[in-house]
């Protein structure tokens, strides 16, 4: 799973993983080049204008207004985000069900990167990329390392049902890790996360757009 904050991830991927990711990236580039659009001069003009542009941060509900778990405010900075350096976050959310370890609360992550102006899905490779998380509690850091304690927001399970808030006037500072894969940690990205309860019903789906450098 490709979390922004996970103290247990300290080493960059081994050579075999790095080679596989490079091959996947090369395949994506070849696929993009084989399409007619990249032979259009107007495409390269557009690409040149976009190279130094950043999308900035935005978020939206990709589920339904009737989904029981809701986020009503969210902001992450700076823009662009630099992995390996702290980020700031503020949010307001309501968790409709208490989440406990081993109870089967799962999540799907879909991560897209803008390549040649097209959004390309990044595959799941050794826990990095667009992965399914069978037990989200197993991927959360221990509360002893939690930077959100002063806001009464837990970082690990159990996470009790209720309202959680980090005010925009006093955002939390959260350290991030950098997997040291340059093409994967710079550029414009979209991340869609969907949370499911043990019965498989969707609790929430949110889409976040951000730029990394």
N, C-alpha and C. Protein backbone atom coordinates (compact mmCIF):
# COMPACT_ATOMS: atom_id res chain seq x y z
N UNK A 1 0.84 -1.17 0.00
CA UNK A 1 0.00 0.00 0.00
C UNK A 1 0.87 1.22 0.00
N UNK A 2 0.57 2.26 -0.80
CA UNK A 2 1.42 3.42 -0.95
C UNK A 2 0.99 4.57 -0.07
N UNK A 3 1.14 4.44 1.28
CA UNK A 3 0.72 5.50 2.17
C UNK A 3 1.72 6.63 2.17
N UNK A 4 1.23 7.84 2.43
CA UNK A 4 2.13 8.97 2.58
C UNK A 4 2.90 8.87 3.88
N UNK A 5 2.22 8.36 4.95
CA UNK A 5 2.86 8.30 6.25
C UNK A 5 2.91 6.87 6.74
N UNK A 6 4.05 6.30 6.82
CA UNK A 6 4.22 4.95 7.34
C UNK A 6 5.64 4.80 7.86
N UNK A 7 5.83 4.94 9.20
CA UNK A 7 7.19 4.90 9.74
C UNK A 7 7.89 3.57 9.52
N UNK A 8 7.16 2.49 9.25
CA UNK A 8 7.79 1.19 9.07
C UNK A 8 8.50 1.06 7.74
N UNK A 9 8.22 1.98 6.79
CA UNK A 9 8.87 1.91 5.48
C UNK A 9 10.13 2.76 5.53
N UNK A 10 11.29 2.13 5.57
CA UNK A 10 12.54 2.88 5.73
C UNK A 10 13.48 2.68 4.55
N UNK A 11 13.35 1.59 3.83
CA UNK A 11 14.29 1.28 2.77
C UNK A 11 13.65 1.43 1.41
N UNK A 12 14.43 1.84 0.43
CA UNK A 12 13.88 1.93 -0.91
C UNK A 12 13.77 0.55 -1.52
N UNK A 13 12.97 0.37 -2.59
CA UNK A 13 12.72 -0.96 -3.16
C UNK A 13 14.00 -1.63 -3.60
N UNK A 14 14.00 -2.99 -3.57
CA UNK A 14 15.18 -3.72 -4.00
C UNK A 14 15.33 -3.62 -5.50
N UNK A 15 16.46 -4.15 -6.01
CA UNK A 15 16.78 -3.98 -7.42
C UNK A 15 15.74 -4.62 -8.32
N UNK A 16 15.25 -5.82 -7.95
CA UNK A 16 14.26 -6.50 -8.78
C UNK A 16 12.98 -5.67 -8.88
N UNK A 17 12.52 -5.13 -7.75
CA UNK A 17 11.30 -4.31 -7.78
C UNK A 17 11.52 -3.05 -8.62
N UNK A 18 12.67 -2.42 -8.42
CA UNK A 18 12.97 -1.20 -9.17
C UNK A 18 12.99 -1.47 -10.67
N UNK A 19 13.60 -2.61 -11.07
CA UNK A 19 13.65 -2.96 -12.49
C UNK A 19 12.25 -3.18 -13.04
N UNK A 20 11.40 -3.87 -12.25
CA UNK A 20 10.04 -4.14 -12.71
C UNK A 20 9.27 -2.84 -12.91
N UNK A 21 9.42 -1.91 -11.98
CA UNK A 21 8.70 -0.64 -12.08
C UNK A 21 9.18 0.15 -13.30
N UNK A 22 10.51 0.12 -13.54
CA UNK A 22 11.05 0.81 -14.71
C UNK A 22 10.49 0.20 -15.99
N UNK A 23 10.41 -1.15 -16.04
CA UNK A 23 9.85 -1.81 -17.22
C UNK A 23 8.39 -1.44 -17.43
N UNK A 24 7.63 -1.38 -16.34
CA UNK A 24 6.23 -0.99 -16.44
C UNK A 24 6.11 0.44 -16.97
N UNK A 25 6.96 1.30 -16.48
CA UNK A 25 6.92 2.69 -16.93
C UNK A 25 7.28 2.78 -18.41
N UNK A 26 8.30 2.00 -18.83
CA UNK A 26 8.69 2.00 -20.25
C UNK A 26 7.54 1.51 -21.12
N UNK A 27 6.83 0.48 -20.63
CA UNK A 27 5.70 -0.04 -21.40
C UNK A 27 4.61 1.01 -21.54
N UNK A 28 4.38 1.77 -20.49
CA UNK A 28 3.38 2.83 -20.55
C UNK A 28 3.78 3.89 -21.58
N UNK A 29 5.05 4.25 -21.56
CA UNK A 29 5.53 5.26 -22.52
C UNK A 29 5.39 4.76 -23.96
N UNK A 30 5.73 3.48 -24.19
CA UNK A 30 5.61 2.91 -25.54
C UNK A 30 4.15 2.91 -25.98
N UNK A 31 3.26 2.53 -25.04
CA UNK A 31 1.84 2.52 -25.36
C UNK A 31 1.34 3.91 -25.71
N UNK A 32 1.81 4.90 -24.95
CA UNK A 32 1.39 6.27 -25.24
C UNK A 32 1.93 6.74 -26.59
N UNK A 33 3.18 6.36 -26.89
CA UNK A 33 3.79 6.80 -28.14
C UNK A 33 3.13 6.16 -29.35
N UNK A 34 2.60 4.94 -29.15
CA UNK A 34 2.00 4.23 -30.28
C UNK A 34 0.66 4.82 -30.71
N UNK A 35 0.08 5.68 -29.87
CA UNK A 35 -1.19 6.29 -30.23
C UNK A 35 -0.95 7.46 -31.17
N UNK A 36 -1.98 7.79 -31.97
CA UNK A 36 -1.83 8.86 -32.95
C UNK A 36 -1.65 10.22 -32.32
N UNK A 37 -2.15 10.38 -31.07
CA UNK A 37 -2.14 11.71 -30.49
C UNK A 37 -0.74 12.27 -30.32
N UNK A 38 0.26 11.40 -29.99
CA UNK A 38 1.59 11.92 -29.74
C UNK A 38 2.30 12.33 -31.03
N UNK A 39 1.74 12.02 -32.19
CA UNK A 39 2.34 12.45 -33.45
C UNK A 39 1.74 13.78 -33.93
N UNK A 40 0.81 14.30 -33.15
CA UNK A 40 0.17 15.57 -33.47
C UNK A 40 1.01 16.70 -32.88
N UNK A 41 1.51 17.64 -33.70
CA UNK A 41 2.33 18.74 -33.16
C UNK A 41 1.64 19.51 -32.05
N UNK A 42 0.33 19.62 -32.12
CA UNK A 42 -0.39 20.36 -31.08
C UNK A 42 -0.28 19.68 -29.73
N UNK A 43 -0.10 18.32 -29.75
CA UNK A 43 0.07 17.60 -28.49
C UNK A 43 1.35 18.03 -27.80
N UNK A 44 2.45 18.11 -28.57
CA UNK A 44 3.72 18.50 -27.96
C UNK A 44 3.70 19.94 -27.48
N UNK A 45 2.98 20.79 -28.16
CA UNK A 45 2.84 22.18 -27.70
C UNK A 45 2.10 22.21 -26.36
N UNK A 46 1.06 21.38 -26.26
CA UNK A 46 0.32 21.30 -25.01
C UNK A 46 1.19 20.75 -23.90
N UNK A 47 1.96 19.69 -24.20
CA UNK A 47 2.83 19.09 -23.21
C UNK A 47 3.86 20.08 -22.70
N UNK A 48 4.42 20.87 -23.59
CA UNK A 48 5.43 21.86 -23.19
C UNK A 48 4.83 22.87 -22.21
N UNK A 49 3.57 23.24 -22.46
CA UNK A 49 2.93 24.20 -21.56
C UNK A 49 2.64 23.59 -20.20
N UNK A 50 2.45 22.25 -20.14
CA UNK A 50 2.06 21.58 -18.91
C UNK A 50 3.25 21.12 -18.07
N UNK A 51 4.45 21.09 -18.65
CA UNK A 51 5.56 20.49 -17.94
C UNK A 51 5.83 21.15 -16.60
N UNK A 52 5.74 22.46 -16.53
CA UNK A 52 6.03 23.17 -15.29
C UNK A 52 4.76 23.52 -14.52
N UNK A 53 3.62 23.06 -15.00
CA UNK A 53 2.36 23.37 -14.33
C UNK A 53 2.04 22.32 -13.27
N UNK A 54 1.40 22.75 -12.22
CA UNK A 54 0.94 21.82 -11.20
C UNK A 54 -0.56 21.97 -11.05
N UNK A 55 -1.20 20.85 -10.80
CA UNK A 55 -2.65 20.87 -10.69
C UNK A 55 -3.12 21.53 -9.41
N UNK A 56 -2.31 21.43 -8.35
CA UNK A 56 -2.75 21.91 -7.06
C UNK A 56 -3.62 20.86 -6.39
N UNK A 57 -3.98 21.14 -5.14
CA UNK A 57 -4.75 20.18 -4.37
C UNK A 57 -6.25 20.40 -4.53
N UNK A 58 -6.97 19.30 -4.71
CA UNK A 58 -8.43 19.34 -4.71
C UNK A 58 -8.95 17.98 -4.29
N UNK A 59 -10.21 17.93 -3.90
CA UNK A 59 -10.81 16.65 -3.51
C UNK A 59 -12.29 16.67 -3.82
N UNK A 60 -12.86 15.47 -3.97
CA UNK A 60 -14.28 15.38 -4.27
C UNK A 60 -14.79 14.02 -3.82
N UNK A 61 -16.11 13.92 -3.67
CA UNK A 61 -16.77 12.68 -3.30
C UNK A 61 -16.99 11.86 -4.57
N UNK A 62 -16.39 10.65 -4.64
CA UNK A 62 -16.56 9.80 -5.81
C UNK A 62 -17.58 8.69 -5.54
N UNK A 63 -18.24 8.79 -4.39
CA UNK A 63 -19.27 7.82 -4.06
C UNK A 63 -20.64 8.42 -4.19
N UNK A 64 -21.42 8.31 -3.14
CA UNK A 64 -22.79 8.82 -3.13
C UNK A 64 -22.99 9.72 -1.92
N UNK A 65 -23.87 10.68 -2.05
CA UNK A 65 -24.20 11.55 -0.92
C UNK A 65 -24.79 10.75 0.24
N UNK A 66 -25.28 9.55 -0.06
CA UNK A 66 -25.89 8.72 0.98
C UNK A 66 -24.87 7.81 1.68
N UNK A 67 -23.60 7.82 1.23
CA UNK A 67 -22.59 7.01 1.90
C UNK A 67 -22.50 7.44 3.37
N UNK A 68 -22.43 6.48 4.30
CA UNK A 68 -22.53 6.83 5.72
C UNK A 68 -21.33 7.55 6.32
N UNK A 69 -20.12 7.30 5.80
CA UNK A 69 -18.93 8.01 6.29
C UNK A 69 -18.68 9.20 5.38
N UNK A 70 -18.49 10.37 6.00
CA UNK A 70 -18.43 11.60 5.20
C UNK A 70 -17.24 12.46 5.58
N UNK A 71 -16.65 13.08 4.57
CA UNK A 71 -15.64 14.12 4.75
C UNK A 71 -16.28 15.43 4.31
N UNK A 72 -16.26 16.42 5.18
CA UNK A 72 -16.89 17.69 4.85
C UNK A 72 -15.88 18.80 4.59
N UNK A 73 -14.63 18.57 4.97
CA UNK A 73 -13.58 19.55 4.68
C UNK A 73 -12.25 18.81 4.65
N UNK A 74 -11.36 19.22 3.74
CA UNK A 74 -10.05 18.58 3.63
C UNK A 74 -9.09 19.53 2.93
N UNK A 75 -7.92 19.68 3.51
CA UNK A 75 -6.87 20.47 2.85
C UNK A 75 -5.51 19.88 3.20
N UNK A 76 -4.67 19.73 2.17
CA UNK A 76 -3.32 19.19 2.34
C UNK A 76 -2.34 20.13 1.65
N UNK A 77 -1.24 20.44 2.30
CA UNK A 77 -0.23 21.31 1.72
C UNK A 77 1.16 20.79 2.06
N UNK A 78 2.20 21.37 1.51
CA UNK A 78 2.18 22.51 0.57
C UNK A 78 1.86 22.03 -0.85
N UNK A 79 1.90 22.96 -1.78
CA UNK A 79 1.69 22.65 -3.19
C UNK A 79 2.90 23.13 -3.99
N UNK A 80 3.62 22.22 -4.62
CA UNK A 80 3.43 20.77 -4.64
C UNK A 80 3.94 20.12 -3.36
N UNK A 81 3.49 18.89 -3.11
CA UNK A 81 3.95 18.11 -1.97
C UNK A 81 5.31 17.51 -2.30
N UNK A 82 6.21 17.55 -1.33
CA UNK A 82 7.53 16.94 -1.51
C UNK A 82 7.65 15.76 -0.55
N UNK A 83 7.61 14.54 -1.08
CA UNK A 83 7.73 13.36 -0.24
C UNK A 83 9.10 13.33 0.43
N UNK A 84 9.11 12.96 1.69
CA UNK A 84 10.32 13.02 2.49
C UNK A 84 10.34 14.24 3.39
N UNK A 85 9.45 15.20 3.11
CA UNK A 85 9.30 16.40 3.93
C UNK A 85 7.90 16.39 4.54
N UNK A 86 7.70 17.10 5.65
CA UNK A 86 6.38 17.10 6.29
C UNK A 86 5.31 17.73 5.40
N UNK A 87 4.09 17.25 5.55
CA UNK A 87 2.93 17.87 4.94
C UNK A 87 2.04 18.41 6.06
N UNK A 88 1.18 19.35 5.72
CA UNK A 88 0.18 19.83 6.67
C UNK A 88 -1.19 19.35 6.21
N UNK A 89 -2.04 19.03 7.18
CA UNK A 89 -3.36 18.53 6.85
C UNK A 89 -4.38 19.06 7.84
N UNK A 90 -5.53 19.42 7.32
CA UNK A 90 -6.68 19.76 8.15
C UNK A 90 -7.90 19.10 7.52
N UNK A 91 -8.85 18.70 8.35
CA UNK A 91 -10.04 18.05 7.81
C UNK A 91 -11.15 18.03 8.85
N UNK A 92 -12.35 17.74 8.37
CA UNK A 92 -13.50 17.48 9.21
C UNK A 92 -14.21 16.27 8.62
N UNK A 93 -14.48 15.26 9.45
CA UNK A 93 -15.05 14.02 8.93
C UNK A 93 -15.90 13.33 9.99
N UNK A 94 -16.81 12.49 9.50
CA UNK A 94 -17.64 11.66 10.38
C UNK A 94 -17.45 10.21 9.99
N UNK A 95 -17.05 9.38 10.96
CA UNK A 95 -16.87 7.94 10.74
C UNK A 95 -18.12 7.23 11.25
N UNK A 96 -18.80 6.52 10.36
CA UNK A 96 -20.11 5.95 10.68
C UNK A 96 -20.04 4.65 11.46
N UNK A 97 -18.91 3.94 11.41
CA UNK A 97 -18.74 2.68 12.12
C UNK A 97 -17.37 2.65 12.77
N UNK A 98 -17.29 2.08 13.98
CA UNK A 98 -16.00 1.90 14.62
C UNK A 98 -15.19 0.88 13.84
N UNK A 99 -13.91 1.18 13.65
CA UNK A 99 -13.02 0.31 12.86
C UNK A 99 -12.07 -0.39 13.82
N UNK A 100 -12.07 -1.72 13.79
CA UNK A 100 -11.23 -2.50 14.68
C UNK A 100 -10.38 -3.48 13.88
N UNK A 101 -9.21 -3.80 14.41
CA UNK A 101 -8.27 -4.69 13.73
C UNK A 101 -8.86 -6.09 13.60
N UNK A 102 -8.66 -6.70 12.43
CA UNK A 102 -9.09 -8.05 12.20
C UNK A 102 -10.58 -8.20 11.93
N UNK A 103 -11.29 -7.10 11.79
CA UNK A 103 -12.74 -7.15 11.58
C UNK A 103 -13.13 -7.12 10.10
N UNK A 104 -12.15 -6.93 9.22
CA UNK A 104 -12.44 -6.99 7.79
C UNK A 104 -12.77 -5.67 7.14
N UNK A 105 -12.38 -4.56 7.75
CA UNK A 105 -12.54 -3.26 7.08
C UNK A 105 -11.44 -3.15 6.02
N UNK A 106 -11.83 -2.94 4.78
CA UNK A 106 -10.88 -2.96 3.67
C UNK A 106 -10.96 -1.66 2.87
N UNK A 107 -10.00 -1.51 1.97
CA UNK A 107 -9.97 -0.31 1.13
C UNK A 107 -9.36 -0.64 -0.22
N UNK A 108 -9.82 0.06 -1.24
CA UNK A 108 -9.23 -0.01 -2.58
C UNK A 108 -8.60 1.33 -2.91
N UNK A 109 -7.36 1.30 -3.36
CA UNK A 109 -6.67 2.51 -3.81
C UNK A 109 -6.44 2.43 -5.31
N UNK A 110 -6.79 3.49 -6.01
CA UNK A 110 -6.47 3.62 -7.43
C UNK A 110 -5.68 4.90 -7.59
N UNK A 111 -4.43 4.76 -8.06
CA UNK A 111 -3.53 5.90 -8.20
C UNK A 111 -3.23 6.11 -9.67
N UNK A 112 -3.44 7.32 -10.14
CA UNK A 112 -3.20 7.68 -11.54
C UNK A 112 -2.15 8.77 -11.61
N UNK A 113 -1.29 8.67 -12.62
CA UNK A 113 -0.32 9.74 -12.88
C UNK A 113 -0.57 10.29 -14.27
N UNK A 114 -0.40 11.60 -14.40
CA UNK A 114 -0.54 12.25 -15.70
C UNK A 114 0.74 12.03 -16.49
N UNK A 115 0.64 11.27 -17.59
CA UNK A 115 1.78 10.99 -18.47
C UNK A 115 1.40 11.39 -19.89
N UNK A 116 2.16 12.30 -20.47
CA UNK A 116 1.85 12.80 -21.81
C UNK A 116 0.41 13.33 -21.88
N UNK A 117 -0.05 13.91 -20.78
CA UNK A 117 -1.38 14.51 -20.76
C UNK A 117 -2.51 13.53 -20.54
N UNK A 118 -2.21 12.23 -20.38
CA UNK A 118 -3.24 11.22 -20.14
C UNK A 118 -3.07 10.65 -18.73
N UNK A 119 -4.19 10.29 -18.10
CA UNK A 119 -4.14 9.70 -16.77
C UNK A 119 -3.92 8.19 -16.89
N UNK A 120 -2.77 7.72 -16.37
CA UNK A 120 -2.38 6.31 -16.46
C UNK A 120 -2.45 5.68 -15.06
N UNK A 121 -3.14 4.54 -14.96
CA UNK A 121 -3.25 3.84 -13.69
C UNK A 121 -1.91 3.21 -13.32
N UNK A 122 -1.42 3.48 -12.13
CA UNK A 122 -0.18 2.89 -11.64
C UNK A 122 -0.51 1.54 -11.01
N UNK A 123 0.06 0.44 -11.51
CA UNK A 123 -0.28 -0.89 -10.99
C UNK A 123 0.26 -1.09 -9.58
N UNK A 124 -0.27 -2.09 -8.91
CA UNK A 124 0.20 -2.45 -7.57
C UNK A 124 1.42 -3.35 -7.68
N UNK A 125 2.57 -2.90 -7.17
CA UNK A 125 3.81 -3.68 -7.20
C UNK A 125 4.40 -3.68 -5.80
N UNK A 126 4.41 -4.85 -5.17
CA UNK A 126 4.97 -5.00 -3.82
C UNK A 126 4.41 -3.97 -2.85
N UNK A 127 3.11 -3.75 -2.91
CA UNK A 127 2.47 -2.86 -1.95
C UNK A 127 2.52 -1.40 -2.31
N UNK A 128 3.12 -1.07 -3.47
CA UNK A 128 3.14 0.32 -3.93
C UNK A 128 2.22 0.44 -5.14
N UNK A 129 1.46 1.52 -5.21
CA UNK A 129 0.60 1.75 -6.36
C UNK A 129 -0.86 1.49 -6.05
N UNK A 130 -1.61 1.08 -7.06
CA UNK A 130 -3.06 0.88 -6.93
C UNK A 130 -3.33 -0.50 -6.34
N UNK A 131 -3.48 -0.54 -5.04
CA UNK A 131 -3.57 -1.81 -4.32
C UNK A 131 -4.89 -1.94 -3.56
N UNK A 132 -5.28 -3.18 -3.31
CA UNK A 132 -6.39 -3.48 -2.41
C UNK A 132 -5.82 -3.82 -1.04
N UNK A 133 -6.37 -3.20 -0.02
CA UNK A 133 -5.90 -3.41 1.34
C UNK A 133 -6.95 -4.23 2.07
N UNK A 134 -6.64 -5.48 2.38
CA UNK A 134 -7.62 -6.38 2.96
C UNK A 134 -7.98 -6.00 4.39
N UNK A 135 -7.03 -5.49 5.13
CA UNK A 135 -7.26 -5.06 6.52
C UNK A 135 -6.55 -3.74 6.74
N UNK A 136 -7.31 -2.65 6.70
CA UNK A 136 -6.67 -1.33 6.77
C UNK A 136 -5.95 -1.12 8.09
N UNK A 137 -6.41 -1.77 9.15
CA UNK A 137 -5.77 -1.59 10.45
C UNK A 137 -4.31 -2.05 10.43
N UNK A 138 -4.02 -3.08 9.63
CA UNK A 138 -2.66 -3.63 9.58
C UNK A 138 -1.68 -2.67 8.92
N UNK A 139 -2.19 -1.66 8.21
CA UNK A 139 -1.34 -0.72 7.49
C UNK A 139 -1.17 0.60 8.22
N UNK A 140 -1.85 0.76 9.35
CA UNK A 140 -1.78 2.03 10.07
C UNK A 140 -0.62 2.01 11.06
N UNK A 141 0.04 3.16 11.27
CA UNK A 141 1.17 3.22 12.20
C UNK A 141 0.68 3.14 13.64
N UNK A 142 1.54 2.74 14.57
CA UNK A 142 1.14 2.68 15.98
C UNK A 142 0.85 4.07 16.53
N UNK A 143 -0.03 4.14 17.52
CA UNK A 143 -0.38 5.43 18.10
C UNK A 143 0.81 6.11 18.77
N UNK A 144 1.82 5.31 19.15
CA UNK A 144 3.00 5.90 19.78
C UNK A 144 3.74 6.83 18.83
N UNK A 145 3.55 6.64 17.52
CA UNK A 145 4.18 7.50 16.52
C UNK A 145 3.19 8.49 15.91
N UNK A 146 2.02 8.63 16.53
CA UNK A 146 0.94 9.41 15.92
C UNK A 146 1.13 10.91 16.11
N UNK A 147 1.17 11.67 15.02
CA UNK A 147 1.30 13.14 15.14
C UNK A 147 -0.05 13.84 15.35
N UNK A 148 -1.14 13.06 15.45
CA UNK A 148 -2.48 13.64 15.55
C UNK A 148 -3.06 13.53 16.95
N UNK A 149 -2.26 13.06 17.91
CA UNK A 149 -2.77 12.81 19.26
C UNK A 149 -3.39 14.04 19.88
N UNK A 150 -2.76 15.19 19.71
CA UNK A 150 -3.27 16.41 20.36
C UNK A 150 -4.62 16.84 19.80
N UNK A 151 -5.01 16.29 18.65
CA UNK A 151 -6.31 16.60 18.06
C UNK A 151 -7.35 15.54 18.42
N UNK A 152 -6.95 14.56 19.24
CA UNK A 152 -7.81 13.42 19.59
C UNK A 152 -8.23 12.63 18.36
N UNK A 153 -7.32 12.55 17.40
CA UNK A 153 -7.53 11.75 16.19
C UNK A 153 -6.56 10.57 16.24
N UNK A 154 -7.06 9.34 16.30
CA UNK A 154 -6.16 8.19 16.38
C UNK A 154 -5.50 7.88 15.04
N UNK A 155 -4.31 7.31 15.10
CA UNK A 155 -3.62 6.86 13.89
C UNK A 155 -3.74 5.36 13.69
N UNK A 156 -4.12 4.63 14.73
CA UNK A 156 -4.21 3.18 14.63
C UNK A 156 -5.55 2.72 15.19
N UNK A 157 -5.86 1.47 14.90
CA UNK A 157 -7.13 0.91 15.37
C UNK A 157 -7.03 0.54 16.86
N UNK A 158 -8.15 0.59 17.59
CA UNK A 158 -9.49 0.89 17.09
C UNK A 158 -9.71 2.39 16.86
N UNK A 159 -10.52 2.70 15.84
CA UNK A 159 -10.95 4.07 15.58
C UNK A 159 -12.45 4.10 15.81
N UNK A 160 -12.86 4.83 16.82
CA UNK A 160 -14.26 4.80 17.23
C UNK A 160 -15.15 5.63 16.31
N UNK A 161 -16.39 5.20 16.19
CA UNK A 161 -17.38 5.96 15.44
C UNK A 161 -17.48 7.37 16.03
N UNK A 162 -17.65 8.36 15.14
CA UNK A 162 -17.83 9.72 15.62
C UNK A 162 -17.24 10.76 14.69
N UNK A 163 -17.25 11.98 15.17
CA UNK A 163 -16.73 13.12 14.40
C UNK A 163 -15.26 13.36 14.74
N UNK A 164 -14.49 13.70 13.71
CA UNK A 164 -13.08 14.01 13.88
C UNK A 164 -12.78 15.31 13.14
N UNK A 165 -11.93 16.14 13.78
CA UNK A 165 -11.69 17.46 13.20
C UNK A 165 -10.28 17.94 13.52
N UNK A 166 -9.58 18.40 12.49
CA UNK A 166 -8.33 19.14 12.64
C UNK A 166 -8.56 20.48 11.98
N UNK A 167 -8.60 21.56 12.73
CA UNK A 167 -9.01 22.85 12.16
C UNK A 167 -7.99 23.42 11.18
N UNK A 168 -8.49 24.12 10.18
CA UNK A 168 -7.61 24.75 9.18
C UNK A 168 -6.73 25.81 9.83
N UNK A 169 -7.19 26.38 10.95
CA UNK A 169 -6.41 27.41 11.64
C UNK A 169 -5.22 26.83 12.39
N UNK A 170 -5.22 25.50 12.60
CA UNK A 170 -4.12 24.83 13.30
C UNK A 170 -3.89 23.45 12.70
N UNK A 171 -3.43 23.40 11.44
CA UNK A 171 -3.27 22.11 10.76
C UNK A 171 -2.20 21.24 11.40
N UNK A 172 -2.34 19.93 11.23
CA UNK A 172 -1.34 18.99 11.74
C UNK A 172 -0.18 18.89 10.76
N UNK A 173 1.01 18.69 11.31
CA UNK A 173 2.20 18.45 10.50
C UNK A 173 2.52 16.97 10.56
N UNK A 174 2.61 16.33 9.38
CA UNK A 174 2.80 14.89 9.31
C UNK A 174 4.04 14.58 8.47
N UNK A 175 4.97 13.80 9.01
CA UNK A 175 6.14 13.41 8.21
C UNK A 175 5.73 12.46 7.10
N UNK A 176 6.46 12.47 6.00
CA UNK A 176 6.21 11.56 4.89
C UNK A 176 7.49 10.80 4.56
N UNK A 177 7.34 9.68 3.87
CA UNK A 177 8.49 8.91 3.41
C UNK A 177 8.58 9.01 1.89
N UNK A 178 9.78 8.86 1.38
CA UNK A 178 10.01 8.92 -0.06
C UNK A 178 10.56 7.59 -0.54
N UNK A 179 9.81 6.87 -1.40
CA UNK A 179 10.31 5.57 -1.89
C UNK A 179 11.47 5.68 -2.87
N UNK A 180 11.88 6.93 -3.20
CA UNK A 180 13.03 7.16 -4.07
C UNK A 180 12.87 6.53 -5.45
N UNK A 181 11.68 6.66 -6.00
CA UNK A 181 11.42 6.28 -7.39
C UNK A 181 10.98 7.57 -8.08
N UNK A 182 11.91 8.23 -8.76
CA UNK A 182 11.70 9.61 -9.17
C UNK A 182 10.44 9.82 -9.99
N UNK A 183 10.17 8.93 -10.98
CA UNK A 183 9.01 9.16 -11.84
C UNK A 183 7.70 8.91 -11.11
N UNK A 184 7.78 8.13 -9.98
CA UNK A 184 6.59 7.83 -9.21
C UNK A 184 6.31 8.87 -8.14
N UNK A 185 7.30 9.69 -7.82
CA UNK A 185 7.14 10.63 -6.72
C UNK A 185 7.24 12.09 -7.18
N UNK A 186 7.04 12.32 -8.47
CA UNK A 186 6.97 13.69 -8.96
C UNK A 186 5.96 13.74 -10.10
N UNK A 187 5.25 14.85 -10.19
CA UNK A 187 4.25 15.00 -11.23
C UNK A 187 2.86 15.21 -10.66
N UNK A 188 1.86 15.10 -11.52
CA UNK A 188 0.47 15.28 -11.13
C UNK A 188 -0.18 13.92 -10.92
N UNK A 189 -0.90 13.78 -9.81
CA UNK A 189 -1.49 12.50 -9.44
C UNK A 189 -2.95 12.67 -9.04
N UNK A 190 -3.71 11.59 -9.25
CA UNK A 190 -5.05 11.46 -8.70
C UNK A 190 -5.10 10.16 -7.90
N UNK A 191 -5.65 10.23 -6.70
CA UNK A 191 -5.76 9.05 -5.84
C UNK A 191 -7.22 8.89 -5.43
N UNK A 192 -7.78 7.75 -5.78
CA UNK A 192 -9.15 7.44 -5.39
C UNK A 192 -9.12 6.35 -4.33
N UNK A 193 -9.71 6.64 -3.18
CA UNK A 193 -9.76 5.68 -2.09
C UNK A 193 -11.19 5.32 -1.74
N UNK A 194 -11.48 4.02 -1.66
CA UNK A 194 -12.82 3.55 -1.30
C UNK A 194 -12.72 2.67 -0.07
N UNK A 195 -13.53 2.98 0.93
CA UNK A 195 -13.53 2.25 2.20
C UNK A 195 -14.76 1.36 2.27
N UNK A 196 -14.56 0.08 2.69
CA UNK A 196 -15.65 -0.88 2.80
C UNK A 196 -15.73 -1.44 4.22
N UNK A 197 -16.96 -1.74 4.65
CA UNK A 197 -17.13 -2.38 5.95
C UNK A 197 -17.00 -3.89 5.79
N UNK A 198 -17.03 -4.66 6.90
CA UNK A 198 -16.81 -6.11 6.80
C UNK A 198 -17.80 -6.84 5.90
N UNK A 199 -19.00 -6.29 5.71
CA UNK A 199 -19.98 -6.95 4.84
C UNK A 199 -19.77 -6.61 3.37
N UNK A 200 -18.80 -5.74 3.08
CA UNK A 200 -18.51 -5.35 1.71
C UNK A 200 -19.26 -4.14 1.23
N UNK A 201 -20.04 -3.50 2.12
CA UNK A 201 -20.77 -2.30 1.74
C UNK A 201 -19.84 -1.09 1.77
N UNK A 202 -20.01 -0.21 0.79
CA UNK A 202 -19.15 0.97 0.72
C UNK A 202 -19.52 1.95 1.83
N UNK A 203 -18.50 2.40 2.56
CA UNK A 203 -18.69 3.43 3.57
C UNK A 203 -18.42 4.81 3.00
N UNK A 204 -17.44 4.90 2.11
CA UNK A 204 -17.08 6.20 1.54
C UNK A 204 -16.17 6.00 0.34
N UNK A 205 -16.16 6.99 -0.55
CA UNK A 205 -15.22 7.03 -1.68
C UNK A 205 -14.84 8.48 -1.91
N UNK A 206 -13.56 8.76 -1.91
CA UNK A 206 -13.09 10.13 -2.15
C UNK A 206 -11.93 10.14 -3.13
N UNK A 207 -11.92 11.17 -3.95
CA UNK A 207 -10.88 11.37 -4.96
C UNK A 207 -10.06 12.59 -4.60
N UNK A 208 -8.75 12.40 -4.49
CA UNK A 208 -7.84 13.50 -4.16
C UNK A 208 -6.91 13.73 -5.34
N UNK A 209 -6.71 14.98 -5.69
CA UNK A 209 -5.80 15.36 -6.75
C UNK A 209 -4.69 16.22 -6.16
N UNK A 210 -3.44 15.90 -6.47
CA UNK A 210 -2.31 16.63 -5.89
C UNK A 210 -1.11 16.55 -6.82
N UNK A 211 -0.18 17.46 -6.60
CA UNK A 211 1.08 17.48 -7.34
C UNK A 211 2.22 17.18 -6.41
N UNK A 212 3.17 16.33 -6.86
CA UNK A 212 4.35 15.97 -6.07
C UNK A 212 5.59 16.48 -6.79
N UNK A 213 6.59 16.81 -5.99
CA UNK A 213 7.86 17.25 -6.58
C UNK A 213 9.03 16.62 -5.85
